[in-house]
């Protein structure tokens, strides 16, 4: 085979073709739709940037945007901390540790729909479990109704007197969705941190211990600096995932109550498929894309500054 300068392009062609079909074309088509008024039944009508002007004047859009940013602020730092602690927990040469790693990872491979239904059942305040058990001929579980669901029953068992309807109270509904996301997503990022932990040379930790460093000092001065690139990856991926959250809202709350759990991805879905405002939905989706790009850039910029400080 004779090599020439076009040879690499032939090897790249299949990947570039798929990238163009599934990324570039949909992005260009979305931009085209955002400049038109379109409802699936009539011909698209060019209206320029009116859809973007409408978003700027739409009170519901700003409320949904605030919900989305608040949700990301709750979820992303929690994911970073929880996944790191889980990675430390399973990064031990103990008998049966692989079984524990597998068990911790089960939420990741669980369907979002299944996870949403399970947690909706756990949060349930209508005595669904009690009714189901009575159907099976099992009595004596009325305490589940008295405490308004399994989650409240568990908190009461721990001595925390809570009687909340988690998915129906506007003040805590978004927090309730965030708990489900943390349960499902943290084990995935745990694997990323686990790979980083296993890549840290043991000599560094042993040298720190020889110098008299305790467990926390080793984590602070050796482990965390070594994991900084992994933390950047986790932050960016978790931020993008949080801003694109859809399944949990769709299954558990439908954006309620009073739009308190209505996030941008679900808002785009309702605009496009419920109200058939395809052009406006395309404009909002591009705004979401810009927000994701800005936050990703800020993460990279912050990571670069931290690396320069660490190098000094």
Protein backbone atom coordinates (compact mmCIF):
# COMPACT_ATOMS: atom_id res chain seq x y z
CA UNK A 1 0.00 0.00 0.00
CA UNK A 2 1.38 3.37 -1.07
CA UNK A 3 1.06 6.01 1.62
CA UNK A 4 0.00 9.53 0.70
CA UNK A 5 -1.33 12.54 2.58
CA UNK A 6 -4.96 11.48 1.98
CA UNK A 7 -4.55 8.11 3.68
CA UNK A 8 -5.35 9.36 7.24
CA UNK A 9 -8.53 11.00 5.93
CA UNK A 10 -9.78 7.70 4.53
CA UNK A 11 -9.39 6.10 7.96
CA UNK A 12 -11.13 9.07 9.58
CA UNK A 13 -13.93 9.21 7.02
CA UNK A 14 -16.37 6.76 8.74
CA UNK A 15 -16.11 8.58 12.06
CA UNK A 16 -16.39 12.01 10.42
CA UNK A 17 -19.44 10.83 8.48
CA UNK A 18 -21.18 9.63 11.65
CA UNK A 19 -20.20 12.86 13.41
CA UNK A 20 -21.71 14.90 10.61
CA UNK A 21 -24.94 12.88 10.50
CA UNK A 22 -25.60 12.70 14.23
CA UNK A 23 -24.04 15.95 15.48
CA UNK A 24 -23.38 18.61 12.86
CA UNK A 25 -26.58 18.16 10.85
CA UNK A 26 -28.93 18.14 13.90
CA UNK A 27 -27.15 21.22 15.28
CA UNK A 28 -27.51 23.13 12.00
CA UNK A 29 -31.12 21.99 11.65
CA UNK A 30 -31.87 23.16 15.20
CA UNK A 31 -30.36 26.56 14.41
CA UNK A 32 -32.49 26.78 11.26
CA UNK A 33 -35.64 25.85 13.18
CA UNK A 34 -34.87 28.44 15.87
CA UNK A 35 -35.25 31.16 13.22
CA UNK A 36 -38.69 29.96 12.17
CA UNK A 37 -42.19 29.62 13.56
CA UNK A 38 -43.10 25.95 13.10
CA UNK A 39 -45.72 23.67 14.64
CA UNK A 40 -45.24 20.43 12.61
CA UNK A 41 -48.47 20.94 10.64
CA UNK A 42 -47.74 24.10 8.67
CA UNK A 43 -44.81 25.28 6.60
CA UNK A 44 -42.02 26.90 8.64
CA UNK A 45 -42.26 30.71 8.57
CA UNK A 46 -39.07 32.74 8.94
CA UNK A 47 -39.23 35.14 11.92
CA UNK A 48 -35.54 35.87 12.52
CA UNK A 49 -34.48 36.04 16.16
CA UNK A 50 -38.02 36.53 17.51
CA UNK A 51 -37.87 33.16 19.29
CA UNK A 52 -34.79 34.30 21.23
CA UNK A 53 -36.47 37.63 22.04
CA UNK A 54 -39.47 35.69 23.28
CA UNK A 55 -37.26 33.63 25.59
CA UNK A 56 -35.77 36.79 27.08
CA UNK A 57 -39.29 38.09 27.83
CA UNK A 58 -40.70 34.72 28.99
CA UNK A 59 -41.12 34.66 32.76
CA UNK A 60 -41.54 30.88 32.76
CA UNK A 61 -38.25 30.45 30.86
CA UNK A 62 -36.38 32.44 33.52
CA UNK A 63 -38.04 30.44 36.29
CA UNK A 64 -37.06 27.17 34.59
CA UNK A 65 -33.52 28.45 34.04
CA UNK A 66 -33.25 29.35 37.72
CA UNK A 67 -34.51 25.87 38.65
CA UNK A 68 -31.92 24.28 36.37
CA UNK A 69 -29.00 26.29 37.75
CA UNK A 70 -30.12 25.68 41.34
CA UNK A 71 -30.41 21.97 40.58
CA UNK A 72 -26.89 21.92 39.12
CA UNK A 73 -25.55 23.77 42.19
CA UNK A 74 -27.09 21.14 44.44
CA UNK A 75 -26.09 18.10 42.40
CA UNK A 76 -22.59 18.77 41.04
CA UNK A 77 -20.69 19.52 44.31
CA UNK A 78 -22.54 16.67 46.03
CA UNK A 79 -21.61 14.24 43.26
CA UNK A 80 -17.94 15.27 43.45
CA UNK A 81 -17.82 14.73 47.23
CA UNK A 82 -19.91 11.54 47.39
CA UNK A 83 -18.23 9.84 44.44
CA UNK A 84 -14.78 10.66 45.85
CA UNK A 85 -15.70 9.23 49.26
CA UNK A 86 -17.16 6.11 47.64
CA UNK A 87 -13.96 5.67 45.64
CA UNK A 88 -11.89 5.91 48.82
CA UNK A 89 -14.19 3.34 50.40
CA UNK A 90 -13.85 0.74 47.65
CA UNK A 91 -10.15 1.39 46.97
CA UNK A 92 -9.07 -1.24 49.46
CA UNK A 93 -7.62 -4.69 49.01
CA UNK A 94 -10.28 -6.42 51.05
CA UNK A 95 -11.82 -9.82 50.51
CA UNK A 96 -14.95 -9.50 48.39
CA UNK A 97 -14.31 -5.86 47.50
CA UNK A 98 -15.30 -6.51 43.88
CA UNK A 99 -18.74 -7.56 45.06
CA UNK A 100 -19.16 -4.26 46.88
CA UNK A 101 -18.02 -2.33 43.80
CA UNK A 102 -20.59 -4.16 41.72
CA UNK A 103 -23.36 -3.50 44.24
CA UNK A 104 -22.50 0.20 44.40
CA UNK A 105 -22.62 0.37 40.59
CA UNK A 106 -26.11 -1.14 40.24
CA UNK A 107 -27.92 2.25 40.28
CA UNK A 108 -25.91 3.34 37.22
CA UNK A 109 -27.16 0.47 35.07
CA UNK A 110 -30.72 0.85 36.34
CA UNK A 111 -33.03 2.52 33.83
CA UNK A 112 -33.94 6.12 34.63
CA UNK A 113 -37.60 5.19 34.26
CA UNK A 114 -37.26 2.28 36.68
CA UNK A 115 -35.27 4.39 39.15
CA UNK A 116 -37.86 7.16 38.96
CA UNK A 117 -40.74 4.77 39.60
CA UNK A 118 -38.91 3.15 42.53
CA UNK A 119 -38.14 6.49 44.18
CA UNK A 120 -41.63 7.80 43.51
CA UNK A 121 -42.85 4.73 45.35
CA UNK A 122 -40.38 5.34 48.19
CA UNK A 123 -41.54 8.95 48.49
CA UNK A 124 -45.17 7.90 48.16
CA UNK A 125 -47.58 9.42 50.68
CA UNK A 126 -50.72 7.51 49.70
CA UNK A 127 -50.00 4.23 51.42
CA UNK A 128 -49.27 2.41 48.17
CA UNK A 129 -46.98 -0.12 49.84
CA UNK A 130 -49.49 -0.73 52.61
CA UNK A 131 -52.29 -1.23 50.11
CA UNK A 132 -50.15 -3.62 48.06
CA UNK A 133 -49.25 -5.70 51.10
CA UNK A 134 -52.87 -5.86 52.20
CA UNK A 135 -53.74 -7.10 48.73
CA UNK A 136 -51.32 -9.95 49.38
CA UNK A 137 -53.04 -10.65 52.70
CA UNK A 138 -50.34 -9.01 54.87
CA UNK A 139 -51.68 -6.73 57.62
CA UNK A 140 -50.12 -4.76 60.45
CA UNK A 141 -48.14 -2.24 58.39
CA UNK A 142 -50.34 0.80 58.97
CA UNK A 143 -47.30 2.67 60.33
CA UNK A 144 -46.21 3.20 56.74
CA UNK A 145 -49.37 5.21 56.15
CA UNK A 146 -49.00 7.11 59.42
CA UNK A 147 -45.50 8.26 58.51
CA UNK A 148 -46.48 9.08 54.92
CA UNK A 149 -44.17 6.79 53.02
CA UNK A 150 -41.07 4.64 53.40
CA UNK A 151 -38.60 7.53 53.23
CA UNK A 152 -40.32 9.38 56.06
CA UNK A 153 -40.54 6.12 58.01
CA UNK A 154 -36.78 5.66 57.67
CA UNK A 155 -36.08 9.24 58.80
CA UNK A 156 -38.41 8.80 61.78
CA UNK A 157 -36.58 5.57 62.63
CA UNK A 158 -33.35 7.60 62.74
CA UNK A 159 -35.01 10.03 65.14
CA UNK A 160 -35.70 12.74 62.56
CA UNK A 161 -39.38 13.71 62.90
CA UNK A 162 -40.39 14.35 59.27
CA UNK A 163 -43.88 14.18 57.80
CA UNK A 164 -43.20 15.63 54.34
CA UNK A 165 -44.86 14.83 51.04
CA UNK A 166 -41.56 15.03 49.19
CA UNK A 167 -42.74 15.33 45.59
CA UNK A 168 -45.78 17.49 46.32
CA UNK A 169 -44.31 20.21 48.51
CA UNK A 170 -42.91 23.03 46.33
CA UNK A 171 -40.15 23.90 48.78
CA UNK A 172 -38.49 20.46 48.71
CA UNK A 173 -39.62 18.85 45.44
CA UNK A 174 -36.46 19.85 43.53
CA UNK A 175 -34.30 18.61 46.40
CA UNK A 176 -36.16 15.28 46.26
CA UNK A 177 -35.32 14.93 42.55
CA UNK A 178 -31.68 15.78 43.31
CA UNK A 179 -31.48 12.91 45.81
CA UNK A 180 -32.50 10.47 43.07
CA UNK A 181 -29.86 11.89 40.72
CA UNK A 182 -27.17 11.56 43.40
CA UNK A 183 -28.18 7.96 44.10
CA UNK A 184 -28.05 7.06 40.43
CA UNK A 185 -25.06 9.08 39.19
CA UNK A 186 -22.53 9.02 42.05
CA UNK A 187 -21.39 5.40 41.48
CA UNK A 188 -20.57 6.22 37.85
CA UNK A 189 -18.21 9.03 38.83
CA UNK A 190 -16.92 6.80 41.63
CA UNK A 191 -15.39 4.59 38.93
CA UNK A 192 -13.57 7.58 37.44
CA UNK A 193 -12.12 8.50 40.82
CA UNK A 194 -11.28 4.87 41.51
CA UNK A 195 -9.22 4.74 38.31
CA UNK A 196 -7.40 7.86 39.45
CA UNK A 197 -6.75 6.49 42.93
CA UNK A 198 -5.28 3.30 41.53
CA UNK A 199 -3.00 5.36 39.29
CA UNK A 200 -1.39 7.23 42.18
CA UNK A 201 2.07 5.81 42.90
CA UNK A 202 2.12 4.08 46.27
CA UNK A 203 5.57 5.56 46.92
CA UNK A 204 4.04 9.03 47.33
CA UNK A 205 1.62 7.94 50.03
CA UNK A 206 4.26 5.84 51.79
CA UNK A 207 6.73 8.74 51.75
CA UNK A 208 4.09 11.04 53.25
CA UNK A 209 3.36 8.52 56.02
CA UNK A 210 7.09 8.15 56.75
CA UNK A 211 7.23 11.94 57.18
CA UNK A 212 4.53 11.64 59.83
CA UNK A 213 1.44 12.54 57.78
CA UNK A 214 -1.85 11.14 59.01
CA UNK A 215 -4.69 9.76 56.91
CA UNK A 216 -6.31 13.15 56.33
CA UNK A 217 -2.99 14.85 55.56
CA UNK A 218 -2.18 12.18 52.95
CA UNK A 219 -5.57 12.75 51.31
CA UNK A 220 -5.17 16.54 51.42
CA UNK A 221 -1.57 16.84 50.23
CA UNK A 222 -1.15 13.74 48.04
CA UNK A 223 -4.46 12.24 46.96
CA UNK A 224 -6.47 15.36 46.12
CA UNK A 225 -3.71 17.11 44.10
CA UNK A 226 -3.06 13.90 42.17
CA UNK A 227 -6.78 13.59 41.38
CA UNK A 228 -7.20 17.17 40.14
CA UNK A 229 -7.51 16.17 36.42
CA UNK A 230 -10.11 13.56 37.35
CA UNK A 231 -12.02 16.12 39.41
CA UNK A 232 -12.13 18.43 36.39
CA UNK A 233 -13.56 15.63 34.25
CA UNK A 234 -16.13 14.76 36.91
CA UNK A 235 -17.16 18.40 37.33
CA UNK A 236 -17.63 18.94 33.60
CA UNK A 237 -19.48 15.69 33.00
CA UNK A 238 -21.69 16.12 36.07
CA UNK A 239 -22.49 19.72 35.13
CA UNK A 240 -23.51 18.76 31.61
CA UNK A 241 -25.58 15.84 32.90
CA UNK A 242 -27.30 18.04 35.53
CA UNK A 243 -28.20 20.71 32.99
CA UNK A 244 -29.63 18.02 30.69
CA UNK A 245 -31.66 16.17 33.36
CA UNK A 246 -34.94 14.95 31.91
CA UNK A 247 -35.92 11.40 32.88
CA UNK A 248 -36.30 11.93 36.62
CA UNK A 249 -38.55 14.96 36.11
CA UNK A 250 -40.61 13.27 33.40
CA UNK A 251 -41.28 10.16 35.49
CA UNK A 252 -41.61 11.61 38.98
CA UNK A 253 -43.15 15.10 38.85
CA UNK A 254 -43.89 16.22 35.30
CA UNK A 255 -42.34 19.58 36.16
CA UNK A 256 -44.64 20.24 39.14
CA UNK A 257 -45.64 21.34 41.60
CA UNK A 258 -46.09 24.89 40.26
CA UNK A 259 -43.11 24.43 37.88
CA UNK A 260 -40.75 24.02 40.86
CA UNK A 261 -39.10 20.94 39.26
CA UNK A 262 -39.43 22.11 35.66
CA UNK A 263 -35.91 21.98 34.21
CA UNK A 264 -34.73 23.22 30.82
CA UNK A 265 -34.63 19.80 29.12
CA UNK A 266 -38.17 19.01 30.24
CA UNK A 267 -39.30 22.53 29.31
CA UNK A 268 -37.88 22.06 25.80
CA UNK A 269 -39.71 18.72 25.56
CA UNK A 270 -43.06 20.23 26.56
CA UNK A 271 -42.61 23.14 24.14
CA UNK A 272 -41.80 20.88 21.21
CA UNK A 273 -44.02 17.85 21.77
CA UNK A 274 -46.87 19.09 23.96
CA UNK A 275 -47.46 22.62 22.69
CA UNK A 276 -45.89 21.99 19.22
CA UNK A 277 -43.84 25.20 19.35
CA UNK A 278 -40.90 23.60 17.60
CA UNK A 279 -39.14 26.83 16.64
CA UNK A 280 -39.26 28.21 20.17
CA UNK A 281 -38.14 24.86 21.59
CA UNK A 282 -35.16 24.89 19.20
CA UNK A 283 -34.21 28.40 20.35
CA UNK A 284 -34.36 27.40 24.04
CA UNK A 285 -32.27 24.29 23.30
CA UNK A 286 -29.58 26.47 21.71
CA UNK A 287 -29.61 28.72 24.77
CA UNK A 288 -29.09 25.59 26.88
CA UNK A 289 -26.18 24.60 24.61
CA UNK A 290 -24.56 28.01 25.11
CA UNK A 291 -24.95 27.73 28.90
CA UNK A 292 -23.33 24.28 28.84
CA UNK A 293 -20.41 25.56 26.73
CA UNK A 294 -19.87 28.56 29.03
CA UNK A 295 -19.86 26.46 32.20
CA UNK A 296 -17.57 23.86 30.59
CA UNK A 297 -15.16 26.64 29.58
CA UNK A 298 -15.21 28.07 33.10
CA UNK A 299 -14.41 24.62 34.47
CA UNK A 300 -11.43 24.28 32.11
CA UNK A 301 -10.26 27.81 32.91
CA UNK A 302 -10.53 27.24 36.65
CA UNK A 303 -8.71 23.91 36.31
CA UNK A 304 -5.92 25.61 34.35
CA UNK A 305 -5.49 28.26 37.05
CA UNK A 306 -5.39 25.60 39.73
CA UNK A 307 -2.77 23.59 37.83
CA UNK A 308 -0.58 26.69 37.43
CA UNK A 309 -0.83 27.42 41.15
CA UNK A 310 -0.04 23.80 41.93
CA UNK A 311 3.01 23.92 39.68
CA UNK A 312 4.27 27.00 41.50
